[in-house]
């Protein structure tokens, strides 16, 4: 019984977030993936070819 009211109040909050996330869903993950790839490539290059040598 206590789970029901908890679920209702918890469902109302994410609803607003979902609406905002839906709008930028196409851009945010894409930018994050690109940034992640750049960081990975940069770290791999730095590991293979250290600037000290």
Protein backbone atom coordinates (compact mmCIF):
# COMPACT_ATOMS: atom_id res chain seq x y z
CA UNK A 1 0.00 0.00 0.00
CA UNK A 2 2.80 2.42 0.85
CA UNK A 3 4.40 1.59 -2.51
CA UNK A 4 1.40 2.93 -4.46
CA UNK A 5 1.56 6.58 -3.27
CA UNK A 6 5.35 6.44 -3.49
CA UNK A 7 5.14 5.34 -7.10
CA UNK A 8 2.68 8.10 -7.99
CA UNK A 9 4.83 10.89 -6.57
CA UNK A 10 7.95 9.34 -8.10
CA UNK A 11 6.25 9.04 -11.49
CA UNK A 12 5.24 12.70 -11.55
CA UNK A 13 8.82 14.02 -11.20
CA UNK A 14 10.48 12.03 -14.02
CA UNK A 15 7.56 12.96 -16.30
CA UNK A 16 8.90 16.52 -16.52
CA UNK A 17 12.45 15.25 -16.99
CA UNK A 18 11.38 12.85 -19.73
CA UNK A 19 9.80 15.72 -21.67
CA UNK A 20 13.02 17.72 -21.46
CA UNK A 21 15.19 14.69 -22.18
CA UNK A 22 13.08 13.74 -25.19
CA UNK A 23 13.76 17.08 -26.87
CA UNK A 24 17.53 16.85 -26.51
CA UNK A 25 17.73 13.07 -26.76
CA UNK A 26 19.14 13.20 -30.28
CA UNK A 27 21.86 15.74 -29.52
CA UNK A 28 23.12 14.87 -26.02
CA UNK A 29 24.05 11.19 -26.57
CA UNK A 30 25.65 12.03 -29.94
CA UNK A 31 27.85 14.73 -28.41
CA UNK A 32 28.73 12.45 -25.49
CA UNK A 33 29.74 9.63 -27.84
CA UNK A 34 31.93 11.97 -29.90
CA UNK A 35 33.56 13.40 -26.77
CA UNK A 36 34.12 9.89 -25.42
CA UNK A 37 35.69 8.75 -28.69
CA UNK A 38 37.97 11.80 -28.80
CA UNK A 39 39.13 11.20 -25.22
CA UNK A 40 39.71 7.49 -25.87
CA UNK A 41 41.66 8.12 -29.09
CA UNK A 42 43.69 10.88 -27.42
CA UNK A 43 44.53 8.71 -24.40
CA UNK A 44 45.47 5.75 -26.62
CA UNK A 45 47.73 7.95 -28.75
CA UNK A 46 49.34 9.42 -25.64
CA UNK A 47 49.88 5.90 -24.26
CA UNK A 48 51.38 4.57 -27.51
CA UNK A 49 53.51 7.65 -28.17
CA UNK A 50 54.40 9.48 -24.93
CA UNK A 51 55.42 13.10 -25.39
CA UNK A 52 58.44 12.57 -23.11
CA UNK A 53 60.24 10.29 -25.57
